[in-house]
């Protein structure tokens, strides 16, 4: 753990995929203060992408943040996994200022295949 941050605002990045969930706690400059993943918490295989695993992972980040003295957070969510909502609900134990979704959305899709020549 790094030094105590008294009442500062930090970012919490949630990267939720279909295989795992990664939650990173960083300051506003982008320096990582703490991180947790469902695999690190002991979940294996298909259990890593469940809402229960996401809430346990987020609870770990909340505890680490409270030890550092963090009071306010910005939540940045990326991905389409199942644990997004439960992780956000668990992180609401800290004072949430902003929730931002930066999931990439394709605007025109893939290029269609060439026309078949017979």
PDB file of N, CA and C in Angstrom:
ATOM      1  N   UNK A   1       0.837  -1.187   0.000  1.00  0.00           N
ATOM      2  CA  UNK A   1       0.000   0.000   0.000  1.00  0.00           C
ATOM      3  C   UNK A   1       0.878   1.244   0.000  1.00  0.00           C
ATOM      4  N   UNK A   2       0.403   2.237  -0.676  1.00  0.00           N
ATOM      5  CA  UNK A   2       1.131   3.491  -0.721  1.00  0.00           C
ATOM      6  C   UNK A   2       0.692   4.373   0.428  1.00  0.00           C
ATOM      7  N   UNK A   3       1.161   5.604   0.429  1.00  0.00           N
ATOM      8  CA  UNK A   3       0.870   6.510   1.540  1.00  0.00           C
ATOM      9  C   UNK A   3      -0.609   6.848   1.634  1.00  0.00           C
ATOM     10  N   UNK A   4      -1.006   7.363   2.774  1.00  0.00           N
ATOM     11  CA  UNK A   4      -2.401   7.722   2.994  1.00  0.00           C
ATOM     12  C   UNK A   4      -2.757   8.969   2.201  1.00  0.00           C
ATOM     13  N   UNK A   5      -3.929   8.961   1.604  1.00  0.00           N
ATOM     14  CA  UNK A   5      -4.441  10.107   0.879  1.00  0.00           C
ATOM     15  C   UNK A   5      -5.607  10.652   1.683  1.00  0.00           C
ATOM     16  N   UNK A   6      -5.511  11.860   2.156  1.00  0.00           N
ATOM     17  CA  UNK A   6      -6.559  12.375   3.038  1.00  0.00           C
ATOM     18  C   UNK A   6      -7.648  13.058   2.222  1.00  0.00           C
ATOM     19  N   UNK A   7      -8.811  12.418   2.141  1.00  0.00           N
ATOM     20  CA  UNK A   7      -9.992  13.020   1.530  1.00  0.00           C
ATOM     21  C   UNK A   7      -9.874  13.331   0.060  1.00  0.00           C
ATOM     22  N   UNK A   8      -8.996  12.649  -0.654  1.00  0.00           N
ATOM     23  CA  UNK A   8      -8.796  12.984  -2.051  1.00  0.00           C
ATOM     24  C   UNK A   8      -9.772  12.221  -2.943  1.00  0.00           C
ATOM     25  N   UNK A   9      -9.867  12.675  -4.177  1.00  0.00           N
ATOM     26  CA  UNK A   9     -10.721  12.036  -5.174  1.00  0.00           C
ATOM     27  C   UNK A   9      -9.857  11.072  -5.987  1.00  0.00           C
ATOM     28  N   UNK A  10     -10.354   9.867  -6.220  1.00  0.00           N
ATOM     29  CA  UNK A  10      -9.624   8.872  -6.996  1.00  0.00           C
ATOM     30  C   UNK A  10     -10.534   8.285  -8.069  1.00  0.00           C
ATOM     31  N   UNK A  11      -9.915   7.665  -9.061  1.00  0.00           N
ATOM     32  CA  UNK A  11     -10.642   6.975 -10.119  1.00  0.00           C
ATOM     33  C   UNK A  11     -10.662   5.484  -9.834  1.00  0.00           C
ATOM     34  N   UNK A  12     -11.794   4.863 -10.116  1.00  0.00           N
ATOM     35  CA  UNK A  12     -11.903   3.409 -10.050  1.00  0.00           C
ATOM     36  C   UNK A  12     -12.292   2.930 -11.441  1.00  0.00           C
ATOM     37  N   UNK A  13     -11.391   2.184 -12.072  1.00  0.00           N
ATOM     38  CA  UNK A  13     -11.648   1.643 -13.408  1.00  0.00           C
ATOM     39  C   UNK A  13     -12.124   0.210 -13.271  1.00  0.00           C
ATOM     40  N   UNK A  14     -13.285  -0.084 -13.867  1.00  0.00           N
ATOM     41  CA  UNK A  14     -13.830  -1.436 -13.868  1.00  0.00           C
ATOM     42  C   UNK A  14     -13.760  -1.956 -15.294  1.00  0.00           C
ATOM     43  N   UNK A  15     -12.962  -2.993 -15.519  1.00  0.00           N
ATOM     44  CA  UNK A  15     -12.873  -3.618 -16.836  1.00  0.00           C
ATOM     45  C   UNK A  15     -13.549  -4.981 -16.726  1.00  0.00           C
ATOM     46  N   UNK A  16     -14.747  -5.081 -17.277  1.00  0.00           N
ATOM     47  CA  UNK A  16     -15.560  -6.274 -17.128  1.00  0.00           C
ATOM     48  C   UNK A  16     -15.643  -7.003 -18.460  1.00  0.00           C
ATOM     49  N   UNK A  17     -15.043  -8.173 -18.524  1.00  0.00           N
ATOM     50  CA  UNK A  17     -15.104  -8.982 -19.737  1.00  0.00           C
ATOM     51  C   UNK A  17     -15.975 -10.203 -19.462  1.00  0.00           C
ATOM     52  N   UNK A  18     -16.110 -11.059 -20.447  1.00  0.00           N
ATOM     53  CA  UNK A  18     -16.889 -12.273 -20.255  1.00  0.00           C
ATOM     54  C   UNK A  18     -16.102 -13.336 -19.493  1.00  0.00           C
ATOM     55  N   UNK A  19     -14.799 -13.130 -19.301  1.00  0.00           N
ATOM     56  CA  UNK A  19     -13.966 -14.115 -18.617  1.00  0.00           C
ATOM     57  C   UNK A  19     -13.506 -13.683 -17.235  1.00  0.00           C
ATOM     58  N   UNK A  20     -13.421 -12.389 -16.968  1.00  0.00           N
ATOM     59  CA  UNK A  20     -12.865 -11.916 -15.708  1.00  0.00           C
ATOM     60  C   UNK A  20     -13.337 -10.493 -15.462  1.00  0.00           C
ATOM     61  N   UNK A  21     -13.086  -9.993 -14.261  1.00  0.00           N
ATOM     62  CA  UNK A  21     -13.361  -8.599 -13.948  1.00  0.00           C
ATOM     63  C   UNK A  21     -12.123  -8.036 -13.254  1.00  0.00           C
ATOM     64  N   UNK A  22     -11.649  -6.891 -13.739  1.00  0.00           N
ATOM     65  CA  UNK A  22     -10.480  -6.222 -13.180  1.00  0.00           C
ATOM     66  C   UNK A  22     -10.911  -4.856 -12.659  1.00  0.00           C
ATOM     67  N   UNK A  23     -10.567  -4.541 -11.424  1.00  0.00           N
ATOM     68  CA  UNK A  23     -10.906  -3.250 -10.832  1.00  0.00           C
ATOM     69  C   UNK A  23      -9.609  -2.604 -10.370  1.00  0.00           C
ATOM     70  N   UNK A  24      -9.364  -1.371 -10.827  1.00  0.00           N
ATOM     71  CA  UNK A  24      -8.136  -0.655 -10.523  1.00  0.00           C
ATOM     72  C   UNK A  24      -8.473   0.650  -9.830  1.00  0.00           C
ATOM     73  N   UNK A  25      -7.790   0.952  -8.745  1.00  0.00           N
ATOM     74  CA  UNK A  25      -7.941   2.202  -8.020  1.00  0.00           C
ATOM     75  C   UNK A  25      -6.723   3.059  -8.333  1.00  0.00           C
ATOM     76  N   UNK A  26      -6.946   4.254  -8.871  1.00  0.00           N
ATOM     77  CA  UNK A  26      -5.827   5.120  -9.244  1.00  0.00           C
ATOM     78  C   UNK A  26      -6.140   6.551  -8.856  1.00  0.00           C
ATOM     79  N   UNK A  27      -5.084   7.354  -8.741  1.00  0.00           N
ATOM     80  CA  UNK A  27      -5.311   8.768  -8.461  1.00  0.00           C
ATOM     81  C   UNK A  27      -5.661   9.482  -9.769  1.00  0.00           C
ATOM     82  N   UNK A  28      -5.901  10.784  -9.706  1.00  0.00           N
ATOM     83  CA  UNK A  28      -6.352  11.509 -10.898  1.00  0.00           C
ATOM     84  C   UNK A  28      -5.271  11.623 -11.966  1.00  0.00           C
ATOM     85  N   UNK A  29      -3.997  11.470 -11.588  1.00  0.00           N
ATOM     86  CA  UNK A  29      -2.923  11.485 -12.582  1.00  0.00           C
ATOM     87  C   UNK A  29      -2.856  10.177 -13.348  1.00  0.00           C
ATOM     88  N   UNK A  30      -3.384   9.095 -12.745  1.00  0.00           N
ATOM     89  CA  UNK A  30      -3.360   7.794 -13.405  1.00  0.00           C
ATOM     90  C   UNK A  30      -2.439   6.796 -12.736  1.00  0.00           C
ATOM     91  N   UNK A  31      -1.796   7.180 -11.636  1.00  0.00           N
ATOM     92  CA  UNK A  31      -0.916   6.263 -10.922  1.00  0.00           C
ATOM     93  C   UNK A  31      -1.754   5.230 -10.167  1.00  0.00           C
ATOM     94  N   UNK A  32      -1.459   3.959 -10.363  1.00  0.00           N
ATOM     95  CA  UNK A  32      -2.233   2.886  -9.746  1.00  0.00           C
ATOM     96  C   UNK A  32      -1.911   2.814  -8.256  1.00  0.00           C
ATOM     97  N   UNK A  33      -2.948   2.856  -7.434  1.00  0.00           N
ATOM     98  CA  UNK A  33      -2.797   2.746  -5.991  1.00  0.00           C
ATOM     99  C   UNK A  33      -3.077   1.326  -5.515  1.00  0.00           C
ATOM    100  N   UNK A  34      -4.085   0.678  -6.093  1.00  0.00           N
ATOM    101  CA  UNK A  34      -4.434  -0.695  -5.729  1.00  0.00           C
ATOM    102  C   UNK A  34      -5.219  -1.308  -6.880  1.00  0.00           C
ATOM    103  N   UNK A  35      -5.234  -2.631  -6.935  1.00  0.00           N
ATOM    104  CA  UNK A  35      -6.017  -3.317  -7.962  1.00  0.00           C
ATOM    105  C   UNK A  35      -6.482  -4.656  -7.396  1.00  0.00           C
ATOM    106  N   UNK A  36      -7.491  -5.196  -8.033  1.00  0.00           N
ATOM    107  CA  UNK A  36      -8.008  -6.505  -7.649  1.00  0.00           C
ATOM    108  C   UNK A  36      -8.690  -7.127  -8.858  1.00  0.00           C
ATOM    109  N   UNK A  37      -8.708  -8.439  -8.906  1.00  0.00           N
ATOM    110  CA  UNK A  37      -9.414  -9.152  -9.968  1.00  0.00           C
ATOM    111  C   UNK A  37     -10.120 -10.353  -9.353  1.00  0.00           C
ATOM    112  N   UNK A  38     -11.083 -10.880 -10.073  1.00  0.00           N
ATOM    113  CA  UNK A  38     -11.817 -12.038  -9.575  1.00  0.00           C
ATOM    114  C   UNK A  38     -10.905 -13.253  -9.486  1.00  0.00           C
ATOM    115  N   UNK A  39      -9.948 -13.371 -10.392  1.00  0.00           N
ATOM    116  CA  UNK A  39      -8.998 -14.469 -10.329  1.00  0.00           C
ATOM    117  C   UNK A  39      -8.088 -14.363  -9.119  1.00  0.00           C
ATOM    118  N   UNK A  40      -7.730 -13.148  -8.749  1.00  0.00           N
ATOM    119  CA  UNK A  40      -6.891 -12.930  -7.571  1.00  0.00           C
ATOM    120  C   UNK A  40      -7.640 -13.291  -6.284  1.00  0.00           C
ATOM    121  N   UNK A  41      -8.958 -13.098  -6.288  1.00  0.00           N
ATOM    122  CA  UNK A  41      -9.765 -13.398  -5.111  1.00  0.00           C
ATOM    123  C   UNK A  41     -10.045 -14.899  -4.957  1.00  0.00           C
ATOM    124  N   UNK A  42      -9.620 -15.719  -5.923  1.00  0.00           N
ATOM    125  CA  UNK A  42      -9.753 -17.165  -5.790  1.00  0.00           C
ATOM    126  C   UNK A  42     -10.833 -17.793  -6.647  1.00  0.00           C
ATOM    127  N   UNK A  43     -11.517 -17.026  -7.469  1.00  0.00           N
ATOM    128  CA  UNK A  43     -12.535 -17.596  -8.356  1.00  0.00           C
ATOM    129  C   UNK A  43     -11.851 -18.168  -9.587  1.00  0.00           C
ATOM    130  N   UNK A  44     -12.344 -19.308 -10.052  1.00  0.00           N
ATOM    131  CA  UNK A  44     -11.729 -19.959 -11.201  1.00  0.00           C
ATOM    132  C   UNK A  44     -12.770 -20.265 -12.262  1.00  0.00           C
ATOM    133  N   UNK A  45     -12.330 -20.272 -13.507  1.00  0.00           N
ATOM    134  CA  UNK A  45     -13.184 -20.682 -14.623  1.00  0.00           C
ATOM    135  C   UNK A  45     -14.369 -19.767 -14.830  1.00  0.00           C
ATOM    136  N   UNK A  46     -15.531 -20.368 -15.010  1.00  0.00           N
ATOM    137  CA  UNK A  46     -16.748 -19.616 -15.320  1.00  0.00           C
ATOM    138  C   UNK A  46     -17.252 -18.807 -14.122  1.00  0.00           C
ATOM    139  N   UNK A  47     -16.758 -19.103 -12.926  1.00  0.00           N
ATOM    140  CA  UNK A  47     -17.211 -18.360 -11.751  1.00  0.00           C
ATOM    141  C   UNK A  47     -16.603 -16.958 -11.671  1.00  0.00           C
ATOM    142  N   UNK A  48     -15.569 -16.688 -12.474  1.00  0.00           N
ATOM    143  CA  UNK A  48     -14.921 -15.380 -12.432  1.00  0.00           C
ATOM    144  C   UNK A  48     -15.793 -14.261 -12.987  1.00  0.00           C
ATOM    145  N   UNK A  49     -16.741 -14.574 -13.858  1.00  0.00           N
ATOM    146  CA  UNK A  49     -17.547 -13.517 -14.472  1.00  0.00           C
ATOM    147  C   UNK A  49     -18.946 -13.439 -13.882  1.00  0.00           C
ATOM    148  N   UNK A  50     -19.122 -13.883 -12.635  1.00  0.00           N
ATOM    149  CA  UNK A  50     -20.429 -13.807 -11.993  1.00  0.00           C
ATOM    150  C   UNK A  50     -20.559 -12.497 -11.214  1.00  0.00           C
ATOM    151  N   UNK A  51     -21.778 -12.038 -10.980  1.00  0.00           N
ATOM    152  CA  UNK A  51     -21.962 -10.825 -10.171  1.00  0.00           C
ATOM    153  C   UNK A  51     -21.432 -10.976  -8.748  1.00  0.00           C
ATOM    154  N   UNK A  52     -21.484 -12.192  -8.196  1.00  0.00           N
ATOM    155  CA  UNK A  52     -20.961 -12.402  -6.844  1.00  0.00           C
ATOM    156  C   UNK A  52     -19.449 -12.171  -6.803  1.00  0.00           C
ATOM    157  N   UNK A  53     -18.741 -12.681  -7.797  1.00  0.00           N
ATOM    158  CA  UNK A  53     -17.286 -12.482  -7.864  1.00  0.00           C
ATOM    159  C   UNK A  53     -16.954 -11.006  -8.037  1.00  0.00           C
ATOM    160  N   UNK A  54     -17.762 -10.296  -8.822  1.00  0.00           N
ATOM    161  CA  UNK A  54     -17.528  -8.872  -9.032  1.00  0.00           C
ATOM    162  C   UNK A  54     -17.741  -8.080  -7.745  1.00  0.00           C
ATOM    163  N   UNK A  55     -18.761  -8.441  -6.970  1.00  0.00           N
ATOM    164  CA  UNK A  55     -19.010  -7.713  -5.729  1.00  0.00           C
ATOM    165  C   UNK A  55     -17.911  -7.988  -4.699  1.00  0.00           C
ATOM    166  N   UNK A  56     -17.397  -9.211  -4.648  1.00  0.00           N
ATOM    167  CA  UNK A  56     -16.301  -9.517  -3.730  1.00  0.00           C
ATOM    168  C   UNK A  56     -15.023  -8.774  -4.127  1.00  0.00           C
ATOM    169  N   UNK A  57     -14.779  -8.676  -5.435  1.00  0.00           N
ATOM    170  CA  UNK A  57     -13.613  -7.947  -5.919  1.00  0.00           C
ATOM    171  C   UNK A  57     -13.740  -6.463  -5.604  1.00  0.00           C
ATOM    172  N   UNK A  58     -14.926  -5.902  -5.794  1.00  0.00           N
ATOM    173  CA  UNK A  58     -15.150  -4.490  -5.487  1.00  0.00           C
ATOM    174  C   UNK A  58     -15.049  -4.238  -3.990  1.00  0.00           C
ATOM    175  N   UNK A  59     -15.492  -5.196  -3.181  1.00  0.00           N
ATOM    176  CA  UNK A  59     -15.387  -5.041  -1.722  1.00  0.00           C
ATOM    177  C   UNK A  59     -13.927  -4.971  -1.296  1.00  0.00           C
ATOM    178  N   UNK A  60     -13.061  -5.720  -1.968  1.00  0.00           N
ATOM    179  CA  UNK A  60     -11.630  -5.665  -1.687  1.00  0.00           C
ATOM    180  C   UNK A  60     -11.075  -4.282  -1.991  1.00  0.00           C
ATOM    181  N   UNK A  61     -11.505  -3.679  -3.109  1.00  0.00           N
ATOM    182  CA  UNK A  61     -11.045  -2.340  -3.472  1.00  0.00           C
ATOM    183  C   UNK A  61     -11.563  -1.304  -2.475  1.00  0.00           C
ATOM    184  N   UNK A  62     -12.804  -1.459  -2.005  1.00  0.00           N
ATOM    185  CA  UNK A  62     -13.367  -0.522  -1.024  1.00  0.00           C
ATOM    186  C   UNK A  62     -12.548  -0.560   0.259  1.00  0.00           C
ATOM    187  N   UNK A  63     -12.177  -1.747   0.708  1.00  0.00           N
ATOM    188  CA  UNK A  63     -11.376  -1.867   1.927  1.00  0.00           C
ATOM    189  C   UNK A  63     -10.001  -1.236   1.750  1.00  0.00           C
ATOM    190  N   UNK A  64      -9.360  -1.474   0.605  1.00  0.00           N
ATOM    191  CA  UNK A  64      -8.047  -0.880   0.354  1.00  0.00           C
ATOM    192  C   UNK A  64      -8.149   0.643   0.275  1.00  0.00           C
ATOM    193  N   UNK A  65      -9.225   1.144  -0.346  1.00  0.00           N
ATOM    194  CA  UNK A  65      -9.416   2.589  -0.449  1.00  0.00           C
ATOM    195  C   UNK A  65      -9.663   3.243   0.900  1.00  0.00           C
ATOM    196  N   UNK A  66     -10.437   2.581   1.755  1.00  0.00           N
ATOM    197  CA  UNK A  66     -10.701   3.138   3.085  1.00  0.00           C
ATOM    198  C   UNK A  66      -9.438   3.165   3.934  1.00  0.00           C
ATOM    199  N   UNK A  67      -8.552   2.175   3.764  1.00  0.00           N
ATOM    200  CA  UNK A  67      -7.284   2.180   4.492  1.00  0.00           C
ATOM    201  C   UNK A  67      -6.412   3.359   4.070  1.00  0.00           C
ATOM    202  N   UNK A  68      -6.516   3.743   2.790  1.00  0.00           N
ATOM    203  CA  UNK A  68      -5.733   4.867   2.286  1.00  0.00           C
ATOM    204  C   UNK A  68      -6.377   6.209   2.607  1.00  0.00           C
ATOM    205  N   UNK A  69      -7.603   6.200   3.071  1.00  0.00           N
ATOM    206  CA  UNK A  69      -8.267   7.446   3.418  1.00  0.00           C
ATOM    207  C   UNK A  69      -9.029   8.087   2.272  1.00  0.00           C
ATOM    208  N   UNK A  70      -9.406   7.311   1.280  1.00  0.00           N
ATOM    209  CA  UNK A  70     -10.129   7.848   0.125  1.00  0.00           C
ATOM    210  C   UNK A  70     -11.599   7.994   0.471  1.00  0.00           C
ATOM    211  N   UNK A  71     -12.149   9.153   0.179  1.00  0.00           N
ATOM    212  CA  UNK A  71     -13.548   9.418   0.490  1.00  0.00           C
ATOM    213  C   UNK A  71     -14.428   9.481  -0.764  1.00  0.00           C
ATOM    214  N   UNK A  72     -13.909  10.056  -1.865  1.00  0.00           N
ATOM    215  CA  UNK A  72     -14.705  10.266  -3.077  1.00  0.00           C
ATOM    216  C   UNK A  72     -14.051   9.548  -4.250  1.00  0.00           C
ATOM    217  N   UNK A  73     -14.896   8.971  -5.127  1.00  0.00           N
ATOM    218  CA  UNK A  73     -14.365   8.248  -6.283  1.00  0.00           C
ATOM    219  C   UNK A  73     -15.154   8.587  -7.541  1.00  0.00           C
ATOM    220  N   UNK A  74     -14.469   8.492  -8.662  1.00  0.00           N
ATOM    221  CA  UNK A  74     -15.079   8.510  -9.986  1.00  0.00           C
ATOM    222  C   UNK A  74     -15.021   7.080 -10.504  1.00  0.00           C
ATOM    223  N   UNK A  75     -16.140   6.557 -10.990  1.00  0.00           N
ATOM    224  CA  UNK A  75     -16.174   5.188 -11.506  1.00  0.00           C
ATOM    225  C   UNK A  75     -16.193   5.241 -13.026  1.00  0.00           C
ATOM    226  N   UNK A  76     -15.251   4.523 -13.645  1.00  0.00           N
ATOM    227  CA  UNK A  76     -15.162   4.439 -15.098  1.00  0.00           C
ATOM    228  C   UNK A  76     -15.323   2.965 -15.464  1.00  0.00           C
ATOM    229  N   UNK A  77     -16.383   2.642 -16.216  1.00  0.00           N
ATOM    230  CA  UNK A  77     -16.731   1.255 -16.525  1.00  0.00           C
ATOM    231  C   UNK A  77     -16.439   0.981 -17.993  1.00  0.00           C
ATOM    232  N   UNK A  78     -15.820  -0.166 -18.258  1.00  0.00           N
ATOM    233  CA  UNK A  78     -15.551  -0.569 -19.635  1.00  0.00           C
ATOM    234  C   UNK A  78     -15.807  -2.056 -19.763  1.00  0.00           C
ATOM    235  N   UNK A  79     -16.549  -2.458 -20.779  1.00  0.00           N
ATOM    236  CA  UNK A  79     -16.785  -3.868 -21.032  1.00  0.00           C
ATOM    237  C   UNK A  79     -18.243  -4.244 -20.894  1.00  0.00           C
ATOM    238  N   UNK A  80     -18.527  -5.492 -21.271  1.00  0.00           N
ATOM    239  CA  UNK A  80     -19.917  -5.943 -21.325  1.00  0.00           C
ATOM    240  C   UNK A  80     -20.172  -7.156 -20.451  1.00  0.00           C
ATOM    241  N   UNK A  81     -19.350  -7.406 -19.453  1.00  0.00           N
ATOM    242  CA  UNK A  81     -19.513  -8.590 -18.614  1.00  0.00           C
ATOM    243  C   UNK A  81     -20.700  -8.482 -17.678  1.00  0.00           C
ATOM    244  N   UNK A  82     -20.943  -9.562 -16.938  1.00  0.00           N
ATOM    245  CA  UNK A  82     -22.102  -9.632 -16.059  1.00  0.00           C
ATOM    246  C   UNK A  82     -21.899  -8.890 -14.743  1.00  0.00           C
ATOM    247  N   UNK A  83     -20.670  -8.625 -14.349  1.00  0.00           N
ATOM    248  CA  UNK A  83     -20.420  -8.081 -13.025  1.00  0.00           C
ATOM    249  C   UNK A  83     -20.417  -6.575 -12.913  1.00  0.00           C
ATOM    250  N   UNK A  84     -20.724  -5.871 -13.990  1.00  0.00           N
ATOM    251  CA  UNK A  84     -20.643  -4.403 -13.967  1.00  0.00           C
ATOM    252  C   UNK A  84     -21.528  -3.791 -12.897  1.00  0.00           C
ATOM    253  N   UNK A  85     -22.806  -4.143 -12.891  1.00  0.00           N
ATOM    254  CA  UNK A  85     -23.767  -3.499 -12.001  1.00  0.00           C
ATOM    255  C   UNK A  85     -23.504  -3.820 -10.540  1.00  0.00           C
ATOM    256  N   UNK A  86     -23.191  -5.069 -10.245  1.00  0.00           N
ATOM    257  CA  UNK A  86     -22.960  -5.423  -8.847  1.00  0.00           C
ATOM    258  C   UNK A  86     -21.674  -4.779  -8.321  1.00  0.00           C
ATOM    259  N   UNK A  87     -20.674  -4.609  -9.179  1.00  0.00           N
ATOM    260  CA  UNK A  87     -19.450  -3.930  -8.752  1.00  0.00           C
ATOM    261  C   UNK A  87     -19.724  -2.456  -8.449  1.00  0.00           C
ATOM    262  N   UNK A  88     -20.550  -1.820  -9.275  1.00  0.00           N
ATOM    263  CA  UNK A  88     -20.890  -0.414  -9.039  1.00  0.00           C
ATOM    264  C   UNK A  88     -21.685  -0.272  -7.751  1.00  0.00           C
ATOM    265  N   UNK A  89     -22.613  -1.187  -7.507  1.00  0.00           N
ATOM    266  CA  UNK A  89     -23.406  -1.138  -6.272  1.00  0.00           C
ATOM    267  C   UNK A  89     -22.526  -1.293  -5.035  1.00  0.00           C
ATOM    268  N   UNK A  90     -21.542  -2.174  -5.117  1.00  0.00           N
ATOM    269  CA  UNK A  90     -20.649  -2.380  -3.976  1.00  0.00           C
ATOM    270  C   UNK A  90     -19.742  -1.170  -3.763  1.00  0.00           C
ATOM    271  N   UNK A  91     -19.309  -0.545  -4.852  1.00  0.00           N
ATOM    272  CA  UNK A  91     -18.442   0.627  -4.737  1.00  0.00           C
ATOM    273  C   UNK A  91     -19.184   1.852  -4.217  1.00  0.00           C
ATOM    274  N   UNK A  92     -20.513   1.781  -4.152  1.00  0.00           N
ATOM    275  CA  UNK A  92     -21.267   2.937  -3.663  1.00  0.00           C
ATOM    276  C   UNK A  92     -21.101   3.134  -2.156  1.00  0.00           C
ATOM    277  N   UNK A  93     -20.352   2.233  -1.469  1.00  0.00           N
ATOM    278  CA  UNK A  93     -20.018   2.454  -0.065  1.00  0.00           C
ATOM    279  C   UNK A  93     -19.131   3.687   0.095  1.00  0.00           C
ATOM    280  N   UNK A  94     -18.318   3.970  -0.926  1.00  0.00           N
ATOM    281  CA  UNK A  94     -17.573   5.219  -0.965  1.00  0.00           C
ATOM    282  C   UNK A  94     -18.456   6.267  -1.633  1.00  0.00           C
ATOM    283  N   UNK A  95     -18.128   7.528  -1.471  1.00  0.00           N
ATOM    284  CA  UNK A  95     -18.928   8.604  -2.040  1.00  0.00           C
ATOM    285  C   UNK A  95     -18.653   8.696  -3.548  1.00  0.00           C
ATOM    286  N   UNK A  96     -19.635   8.324  -4.364  1.00  0.00           N
ATOM    287  CA  UNK A  96     -19.462   8.292  -5.820  1.00  0.00           C
ATOM    288  C   UNK A  96     -19.839   9.657  -6.403  1.00  0.00           C
ATOM    289  N   UNK A  97     -18.919  10.243  -7.147  1.00  0.00           N
ATOM    290  CA  UNK A  97     -19.158  11.532  -7.789  1.00  0.00           C
ATOM    291  C   UNK A  97     -19.660  11.333  -9.212  1.00  0.00           C
ATOM    292  N   UNK A  98     -19.064  10.387  -9.941  1.00  0.00           N
ATOM    293  CA  UNK A  98     -19.314  10.243 -11.371  1.00  0.00           C
ATOM    294  C   UNK A  98     -19.283   8.769 -11.749  1.00  0.00           C
ATOM    295  N   UNK A  99     -20.197   8.368 -12.617  1.00  0.00           N
ATOM    296  CA  UNK A  99     -20.155   7.038 -13.227  1.00  0.00           C
ATOM    297  C   UNK A  99     -20.129   7.245 -14.736  1.00  0.00           C
ATOM    298  N   UNK A 100     -19.077   6.767 -15.372  1.00  0.00           N
ATOM    299  CA  UNK A 100     -18.888   6.987 -16.805  1.00  0.00           C
ATOM    300  C   UNK A 100     -18.663   5.645 -17.489  1.00  0.00           C
ATOM    301  N   UNK A 101     -19.390   5.418 -18.589  1.00  0.00           N
ATOM    302  CA  UNK A 101     -19.257   4.181 -19.357  1.00  0.00           C
ATOM    303  C   UNK A 101     -18.461   4.474 -20.620  1.00  0.00           C
ATOM    304  N   UNK A 102     -17.310   3.829 -20.783  1.00  0.00           N
ATOM    305  CA  UNK A 102     -16.475   4.059 -21.956  1.00  0.00           C
ATOM    306  C   UNK A 102     -16.342   2.795 -22.808  1.00  0.00           C
ATOM    307  N   UNK A 103     -17.380   1.954 -22.791  1.00  0.00           N
ATOM    308  CA  UNK A 103     -17.370   0.730 -23.592  1.00  0.00           C
ATOM    309  C   UNK A 103     -17.351   1.090 -25.075  1.00  0.00           C
ATOM    310  N   UNK A 104     -16.399   0.560 -25.840  1.00  0.00           N
ATOM    311  CA  UNK A 104     -16.360   0.891 -27.260  1.00  0.00           C
ATOM    312  C   UNK A 104     -17.556   0.303 -28.005  1.00  0.00           C
ATOM    313  N   UNK A 105     -18.157   1.110 -28.876  1.00  0.00           N
ATOM    314  CA  UNK A 105     -19.321   0.685 -29.648  1.00  0.00           C
ATOM    315  C   UNK A 105     -18.974   0.789 -31.133  1.00  0.00           C
ATOM    316  N   UNK A 106     -19.090  -0.305 -31.894  1.00  0.00           N
ATOM    317  CA  UNK A 106     -18.808  -0.209 -33.326  1.00  0.00           C
ATOM    318  C   UNK A 106     -19.904   0.579 -34.029  1.00  0.00           C
ATOM    319  N   UNK A 107     -19.523   1.523 -34.894  1.00  0.00           N
ATOM    320  CA  UNK A 107     -20.568   2.313 -35.539  1.00  0.00           C
ATOM    321  C   UNK A 107     -21.032   1.747 -36.856  1.00  0.00           C
ATOM    322  N   UNK A 108     -20.211   1.037 -37.579  1.00  0.00           N
ATOM    323  CA  UNK A 108     -20.688   0.537 -38.862  1.00  0.00           C
ATOM    324  C   UNK A 108     -20.455  -0.958 -39.034  1.00  0.00           C
ATOM    325  N   UNK A 109     -19.839  -1.595 -38.074  1.00  0.00           N
ATOM    326  CA  UNK A 109     -19.619  -3.022 -38.158  1.00  0.00           C
ATOM    327  C   UNK A 109     -18.450  -3.403 -39.053  1.00  0.00           C
ATOM    328  N   UNK A 110     -18.291  -4.664 -39.260  1.00  0.00           N
ATOM    329  CA  UNK A 110     -17.196  -5.181 -40.077  1.00  0.00           C
ATOM    330  C   UNK A 110     -17.494  -4.985 -41.561  1.00  0.00           C
ATOM    331  N   UNK A 111     -16.459  -5.048 -42.352  1.00  0.00           N
ATOM    332  CA  UNK A 111     -16.626  -4.954 -43.789  1.00  0.00           C
ATOM    333  C   UNK A 111     -17.274  -6.240 -44.296  1.00  0.00           C
ATOM    334  N   UNK A 112     -18.301  -6.130 -45.169  1.00  0.00           N
ATOM    335  CA  UNK A 112     -18.969  -7.347 -45.654  1.00  0.00           C
ATOM    336  C   UNK A 112     -18.040  -8.134 -46.586  1.00  0.00           C
ATOM    337  N   UNK A 113     -18.268  -9.456 -46.718  1.00  0.00           N
ATOM    338  CA  UNK A 113     -17.421 -10.254 -47.600  1.00  0.00           C
ATOM    339  C   UNK A 113     -17.635  -9.875 -49.066  1.00  0.00           C
ATOM    340  N   UNK A 114     -16.639 -10.217 -49.888  1.00  0.00           N
ATOM    341  CA  UNK A 114     -16.736  -9.916 -51.320  1.00  0.00           C
ATOM    342  C   UNK A 114     -17.904 -10.665 -51.937  1.00  0.00           C
ATOM    343  N   UNK A 115     -18.414 -10.128 -53.027  1.00  0.00           N
ATOM    344  CA  UNK A 115     -19.488 -10.793 -53.728  1.00  0.00           C
ATOM    345  C   UNK A 115     -18.965 -12.085 -54.360  1.00  0.00           C
ATOM    346  N   UNK A 116     -19.770 -13.136 -54.291  1.00  0.00           N
ATOM    347  CA  UNK A 116     -19.361 -14.442 -54.784  1.00  0.00           C
ATOM    348  C   UNK A 116     -19.320 -14.458 -56.300  1.00  0.00           C
ATOM    349  N   UNK A 117     -18.209 -14.988 -56.834  1.00  0.00           N
ATOM    350  CA  UNK A 117     -18.085 -15.124 -58.291  1.00  0.00           C
ATOM    351  C   UNK A 117     -18.189 -16.583 -58.668  1.00  0.00           C
ATOM    352  N   UNK A 118     -19.020 -16.852 -59.643  1.00  0.00           N
ATOM    353  CA  UNK A 118     -19.208 -18.251 -60.070  1.00  0.00           C
ATOM    354  C   UNK A 118     -18.649 -18.453 -61.456  1.00  0.00           C
TER     355      UNK A 118
END
